[in-house]
N, C-alpha and C. Protein backbone atom coordinates (compact mmCIF):
# COMPACT_ATOMS: atom_id res chain seq x y z
N GLU A 1 21.63 11.70 9.61
CA GLU A 1 22.53 10.73 10.09
C GLU A 1 21.82 9.41 10.39
N VAL A 2 22.22 8.44 9.59
CA VAL A 2 21.76 7.13 10.16
C VAL A 2 22.45 6.27 11.32
N GLN A 3 21.54 6.14 12.26
CA GLN A 3 21.95 5.30 13.57
C GLN A 3 21.17 4.24 13.89
N LEU A 4 21.84 3.04 14.15
CA LEU A 4 21.00 1.92 14.81
C LEU A 4 21.65 1.65 16.10
N VAL A 5 20.74 1.48 17.10
CA VAL A 5 21.07 1.09 18.48
C VAL A 5 20.13 -0.07 18.77
N GLU A 6 21.02 -1.16 19.26
CA GLU A 6 20.27 -2.31 19.68
C GLU A 6 20.15 -2.53 21.12
N PHE A 7 19.03 -3.09 21.39
CA PHE A 7 18.83 -3.49 22.85
C PHE A 7 18.21 -4.80 23.07
N GLY A 8 18.05 -5.25 24.20
CA GLY A 8 17.16 -6.49 24.45
C GLY A 8 17.80 -7.67 24.75
N GLY A 9 19.31 -7.65 24.45
CA GLY A 9 19.98 -9.01 24.75
C GLY A 9 20.02 -9.45 26.24
N GLY A 10 20.76 -10.58 26.52
CA GLY A 10 20.74 -11.09 27.68
C GLY A 10 21.01 -12.65 27.82
N LEU A 11 20.77 -12.99 29.04
CA LEU A 11 20.98 -14.41 29.37
C LEU A 11 19.70 -15.25 29.42
N VAL A 12 19.69 -16.27 28.74
CA VAL A 12 18.28 -16.88 28.77
C VAL A 12 18.85 -18.52 28.57
N GLN A 13 17.82 -19.30 29.30
CA GLN A 13 18.16 -20.86 29.13
C GLN A 13 17.41 -21.42 27.68
N ALA A 14 18.27 -22.47 27.44
CA ALA A 14 17.79 -23.05 26.27
C ALA A 14 16.34 -23.37 26.24
N GLY A 15 15.83 -23.12 25.31
CA GLY A 15 14.08 -23.17 25.09
C GLY A 15 13.45 -21.81 25.25
N GLY A 16 14.08 -20.87 25.69
CA GLY A 16 13.59 -19.65 26.20
C GLY A 16 13.42 -18.73 24.93
N SER A 17 12.86 -17.49 25.30
CA SER A 17 12.86 -16.51 24.22
C SER A 17 13.31 -15.31 24.51
N LEU A 18 13.61 -14.56 23.57
CA LEU A 18 14.11 -13.04 23.73
C LEU A 18 13.51 -12.14 22.51
N ARG A 19 13.41 -10.95 22.65
CA ARG A 19 13.01 -10.02 21.72
C ARG A 19 14.07 -9.21 21.54
N LEU A 20 14.85 -8.96 20.58
CA LEU A 20 15.76 -7.83 20.38
C LEU A 20 15.03 -6.85 19.62
N SER A 21 15.53 -5.57 19.98
CA SER A 21 14.92 -4.35 19.41
C SER A 21 16.08 -3.53 18.83
N CYS A 22 15.90 -2.76 17.78
CA CYS A 22 16.89 -1.81 17.26
C CYS A 22 16.03 -0.67 16.88
N ALA A 23 16.50 0.48 17.48
CA ALA A 23 16.04 1.89 17.20
C ALA A 23 16.82 2.50 16.05
N ALA A 24 16.09 2.83 15.12
CA ALA A 24 16.77 3.28 13.89
C ALA A 24 16.42 4.64 13.59
N SER A 25 17.33 5.50 13.42
CA SER A 25 17.04 6.99 13.00
C SER A 25 17.72 7.21 11.84
N GLY A 26 17.07 8.57 11.26
CA GLY A 26 17.75 9.10 9.95
C GLY A 26 17.38 8.45 8.66
N PHE A 27 16.39 7.71 8.90
CA PHE A 27 15.76 7.03 7.63
C PHE A 27 14.51 6.39 7.93
N THR A 28 13.61 5.99 7.02
CA THR A 28 12.49 5.20 7.24
C THR A 28 12.53 3.79 7.08
N VAL A 29 12.37 3.11 7.90
CA VAL A 29 12.78 1.41 7.86
C VAL A 29 12.06 0.76 6.65
N GLU A 30 10.86 1.24 6.39
CA GLU A 30 10.04 0.73 5.28
C GLU A 30 10.62 0.94 3.94
N HIS A 31 11.47 1.90 3.74
CA HIS A 31 12.07 2.25 2.48
C HIS A 31 13.39 1.57 2.21
N TYR A 32 13.80 0.68 3.11
CA TYR A 32 15.02 0.16 2.97
C TYR A 32 15.15 -1.36 3.31
N ALA A 33 15.88 -2.26 2.72
CA ALA A 33 16.20 -3.51 3.32
C ALA A 33 16.96 -3.31 4.62
N ILE A 34 16.52 -4.35 5.58
CA ILE A 34 17.24 -4.21 6.73
C ILE A 34 17.30 -5.45 7.45
N GLY A 35 18.40 -5.74 8.30
CA GLY A 35 18.48 -7.02 8.74
C GLY A 35 19.16 -7.34 10.07
N TRP A 36 19.23 -8.44 10.61
CA TRP A 36 19.92 -8.81 11.70
C TRP A 36 21.16 -9.88 11.22
N PHE A 37 22.13 -9.59 11.97
CA PHE A 37 23.43 -10.28 11.73
C PHE A 37 23.69 -10.99 13.12
N ARG A 38 24.64 -11.79 13.21
CA ARG A 38 25.11 -12.28 14.61
C ARG A 38 26.54 -12.65 14.25
N GLN A 39 27.31 -12.51 15.43
CA GLN A 39 28.94 -13.14 15.43
C GLN A 39 29.09 -13.85 16.68
N ALA A 40 29.34 -15.16 16.55
CA ALA A 40 29.93 -15.77 17.77
C ALA A 40 31.36 -15.85 17.96
N PRO A 41 31.93 -16.02 19.10
CA PRO A 41 33.32 -15.99 19.21
C PRO A 41 34.08 -16.81 18.42
N GLY A 42 34.96 -16.42 17.86
CA GLY A 42 35.85 -17.02 16.71
C GLY A 42 35.21 -17.46 15.41
N LYS A 43 34.06 -17.01 15.23
CA LYS A 43 33.42 -17.15 13.89
C LYS A 43 33.13 -15.75 13.13
N GLU A 44 32.90 -16.02 11.97
CA GLU A 44 32.62 -14.61 11.04
C GLU A 44 31.06 -14.48 11.29
N ARG A 45 30.94 -13.02 10.92
CA ARG A 45 29.63 -12.70 10.96
C ARG A 45 28.57 -13.28 9.97
N GLU A 46 27.53 -13.40 10.46
CA GLU A 46 26.63 -14.14 9.69
C GLU A 46 25.01 -13.50 9.58
N GLY A 47 24.51 -13.68 8.46
CA GLY A 47 23.31 -13.01 8.36
C GLY A 47 22.18 -13.88 9.11
N VAL A 48 21.23 -13.43 9.83
CA VAL A 48 20.18 -14.11 10.63
C VAL A 48 18.67 -13.99 9.89
N SER A 49 18.27 -12.89 9.73
CA SER A 49 17.13 -12.52 9.30
C SER A 49 17.10 -11.07 8.62
N CYS A 50 16.50 -11.00 7.45
CA CYS A 50 16.36 -9.69 6.97
C CYS A 50 14.94 -9.54 6.14
N LYS A 51 14.80 -8.25 6.07
CA LYS A 51 13.49 -7.86 5.35
C LYS A 51 13.61 -7.10 4.23
N ASP A 52 13.22 -7.16 3.06
CA ASP A 52 13.44 -6.33 1.98
C ASP A 52 12.31 -5.07 1.84
N ILE A 53 12.45 -4.18 0.86
CA ILE A 53 11.81 -3.16 0.76
C ILE A 53 10.24 -3.43 0.40
N ASP A 54 10.04 -4.65 -0.02
CA ASP A 54 8.75 -5.13 -0.29
C ASP A 54 8.01 -5.85 0.95
N GLY A 55 8.67 -5.81 1.98
CA GLY A 55 8.17 -6.60 3.23
C GLY A 55 8.37 -8.06 3.22
N ARG A 56 9.05 -8.56 2.16
CA ARG A 56 9.36 -10.00 2.38
C ARG A 56 10.63 -10.15 3.45
N THR A 57 10.43 -11.35 4.03
CA THR A 57 11.39 -11.78 5.10
C THR A 57 12.16 -13.09 4.66
N TYR A 58 13.38 -13.04 5.17
CA TYR A 58 14.27 -14.22 4.75
C TYR A 58 14.95 -14.52 6.07
N ASN A 59 15.08 -15.83 6.28
CA ASN A 59 15.73 -16.30 7.47
C ASN A 59 16.87 -17.27 7.19
N ALA A 60 18.06 -17.23 7.83
CA ALA A 60 18.94 -18.54 7.68
C ALA A 60 18.30 -19.60 7.93
N GLU A 61 18.90 -20.75 7.49
CA GLU A 61 18.25 -22.07 7.77
C GLU A 61 18.35 -22.50 9.25
N SER A 62 19.42 -22.01 9.84
CA SER A 62 19.50 -22.47 11.19
C SER A 62 18.58 -21.73 12.02
N VAL A 63 17.82 -20.79 11.82
CA VAL A 63 16.89 -20.10 12.66
C VAL A 63 15.49 -20.12 11.96
N LYS A 64 15.30 -20.77 10.96
CA LYS A 64 14.11 -20.67 10.28
C LYS A 64 12.93 -21.39 11.27
N GLY A 65 11.81 -20.95 11.33
CA GLY A 65 10.73 -21.52 12.37
C GLY A 65 10.85 -21.04 13.80
N ARG A 66 11.98 -20.26 13.99
CA ARG A 66 12.25 -19.91 15.24
C ARG A 66 12.56 -18.31 15.49
N PHE A 67 12.82 -17.56 14.48
CA PHE A 67 13.25 -16.22 14.56
C PHE A 67 12.25 -15.51 13.66
N THR A 68 12.00 -14.15 13.99
CA THR A 68 11.08 -13.68 13.02
C THR A 68 11.48 -12.11 13.16
N ILE A 69 11.78 -11.41 11.91
CA ILE A 69 12.14 -9.98 11.99
C ILE A 69 10.84 -9.44 11.56
N SER A 70 10.61 -7.99 12.27
CA SER A 70 9.59 -7.24 12.01
C SER A 70 9.98 -5.75 12.17
N THR A 71 9.08 -4.77 11.77
CA THR A 71 9.53 -3.45 11.88
C THR A 71 8.29 -2.81 12.59
N GLY A 72 8.48 -1.56 13.19
CA GLY A 72 7.39 -0.77 13.60
C GLY A 72 7.81 0.61 13.99
N HIS A 73 6.91 1.28 14.69
CA HIS A 73 7.16 2.63 15.10
C HIS A 73 6.60 2.86 16.47
N VAL A 74 7.58 3.46 17.27
CA VAL A 74 7.41 3.63 18.57
C VAL A 74 7.42 4.99 18.88
N GLN A 75 6.42 5.97 19.10
CA GLN A 75 6.58 7.33 19.31
C GLN A 75 7.48 7.79 18.35
N ASN A 76 7.10 7.73 17.18
CA ASN A 76 7.78 8.29 15.95
C ASN A 76 9.29 7.76 15.75
N THR A 77 9.60 6.85 16.46
CA THR A 77 10.93 6.11 16.33
C THR A 77 10.66 4.82 15.64
N ASN A 78 11.58 4.79 14.49
CA ASN A 78 11.59 3.44 13.71
C ASN A 78 12.23 2.32 14.52
N MET A 79 11.42 1.18 14.49
CA MET A 79 11.99 0.06 15.28
C MET A 79 12.17 -0.92 14.35
N VAL A 80 13.04 -1.84 14.48
CA VAL A 80 13.38 -3.20 13.96
C VAL A 80 13.41 -4.36 15.10
N TYR A 81 12.65 -5.20 15.02
CA TYR A 81 12.50 -6.31 15.99
C TYR A 81 13.24 -7.62 15.41
N LEU A 82 13.66 -8.56 16.38
CA LEU A 82 14.02 -9.74 16.10
C LEU A 82 13.51 -10.66 17.25
N GLN A 83 12.25 -11.24 17.10
CA GLN A 83 11.86 -12.11 18.12
C GLN A 83 12.49 -13.53 17.87
N MET A 84 13.03 -14.02 19.09
CA MET A 84 13.89 -15.26 18.96
C MET A 84 13.10 -16.25 19.88
N ASN A 85 12.69 -17.40 19.55
CA ASN A 85 11.86 -18.45 20.22
C ASN A 85 12.75 -19.69 20.09
N SER A 86 12.62 -20.54 21.15
CA SER A 86 13.26 -21.85 21.16
C SER A 86 14.69 -21.62 20.94
N LEU A 87 15.30 -20.84 21.69
CA LEU A 87 16.71 -20.49 21.42
C LEU A 87 17.51 -21.91 21.98
N LYS A 88 18.66 -21.67 21.23
CA LYS A 88 19.66 -23.04 21.58
C LYS A 88 20.94 -22.37 21.99
N PRO A 89 21.80 -23.23 22.46
CA PRO A 89 23.18 -22.67 23.04
C PRO A 89 24.01 -22.14 21.77
N GLU A 90 23.77 -22.71 20.62
CA GLU A 90 24.47 -22.32 19.35
C GLU A 90 23.90 -20.95 18.84
N ASP A 91 22.93 -20.28 19.56
CA ASP A 91 22.31 -18.90 19.11
C ASP A 91 23.25 -18.07 19.86
N THR A 92 24.18 -18.35 20.79
CA THR A 92 24.75 -17.41 21.52
C THR A 92 25.80 -16.62 20.53
N ALA A 93 25.83 -15.38 20.67
CA ALA A 93 26.40 -14.48 19.68
C ALA A 93 26.14 -12.88 19.99
N VAL A 94 26.83 -12.10 19.40
CA VAL A 94 26.65 -10.71 19.40
C VAL A 94 25.61 -10.45 18.17
N TYR A 95 24.46 -9.74 18.45
CA TYR A 95 23.63 -9.59 17.28
C TYR A 95 23.69 -8.19 17.14
N TYR A 96 23.66 -8.03 15.56
CA TYR A 96 23.78 -6.60 15.08
C TYR A 96 22.51 -6.43 14.19
N CYS A 97 22.15 -5.00 14.29
CA CYS A 97 21.06 -4.42 13.32
C CYS A 97 21.91 -4.06 12.21
N ASN A 98 21.35 -4.07 10.71
CA ASN A 98 22.18 -3.55 9.92
C ASN A 98 21.21 -2.97 8.81
N ARG A 99 21.63 -1.98 8.24
CA ARG A 99 21.23 -1.39 6.90
C ARG A 99 22.25 -1.08 6.02
N GLY A 100 22.53 -1.86 4.98
CA GLY A 100 23.68 -1.56 4.06
C GLY A 100 24.92 -1.54 4.83
N GLU A 101 25.70 -0.22 4.69
CA GLU A 101 26.94 -0.19 5.25
C GLU A 101 26.77 0.26 6.72
N TYR A 102 25.63 0.43 7.27
CA TYR A 102 25.41 0.93 8.64
C TYR A 102 25.29 -0.38 9.54
N TRP A 103 25.89 -0.04 10.73
CA TRP A 103 25.69 -1.27 11.78
C TRP A 103 25.70 -0.49 13.13
N GLY A 104 24.89 -1.17 13.78
CA GLY A 104 24.76 -0.88 15.36
C GLY A 104 25.96 -1.39 16.13
N GLN A 105 25.98 -1.22 17.33
CA GLN A 105 27.05 -1.60 18.12
C GLN A 105 27.00 -2.98 18.68
N GLY A 106 25.68 -3.52 18.52
CA GLY A 106 25.56 -4.95 18.91
C GLY A 106 25.02 -5.26 20.40
N THR A 107 24.35 -6.29 20.58
CA THR A 107 23.94 -6.49 21.89
C THR A 107 24.02 -8.07 21.82
N GLN A 108 24.45 -8.50 23.17
CA GLN A 108 25.10 -9.76 23.53
C GLN A 108 23.97 -10.69 23.81
N VAL A 109 23.76 -11.98 23.21
CA VAL A 109 22.89 -12.87 23.58
C VAL A 109 23.42 -14.25 24.10
N THR A 110 23.45 -14.44 25.29
CA THR A 110 23.80 -15.77 25.77
C THR A 110 22.79 -16.78 26.11
N VAL A 111 22.77 -18.14 25.64
CA VAL A 111 21.83 -19.12 25.69
C VAL A 111 22.59 -20.31 26.54
N SER A 112 22.14 -20.57 27.88
CA SER A 112 22.66 -21.69 28.59
C SER A 112 21.93 -22.84 28.47
N SER A 113 22.74 -23.91 28.49
CA SER A 113 22.23 -25.26 28.20
C SER A 113 21.73 -25.74 29.55
């Protein structure tokens, strides 16, 4: 069974950093394309960063140079990370880990000005 569980969100001041984590189970992250999406209040869900099966990463224009997606393993647990630097108030949203039709429950990121 595929499961994605995000954590690491919180409140941060503009210019600060956060690292989101996603514990992925039921599959090996290196064998699938995987990504992070976000949804701000009143807006549609949008793609932020993704990593394909060849390890290439792609970022939305709005986060280029600031956000980095990566994968790893912690005690036999597949992990997907989103390092977010130079955060802006417009980055405020619920962030979701995604693999195809599978979604996590989301983690709230709030950036204060």
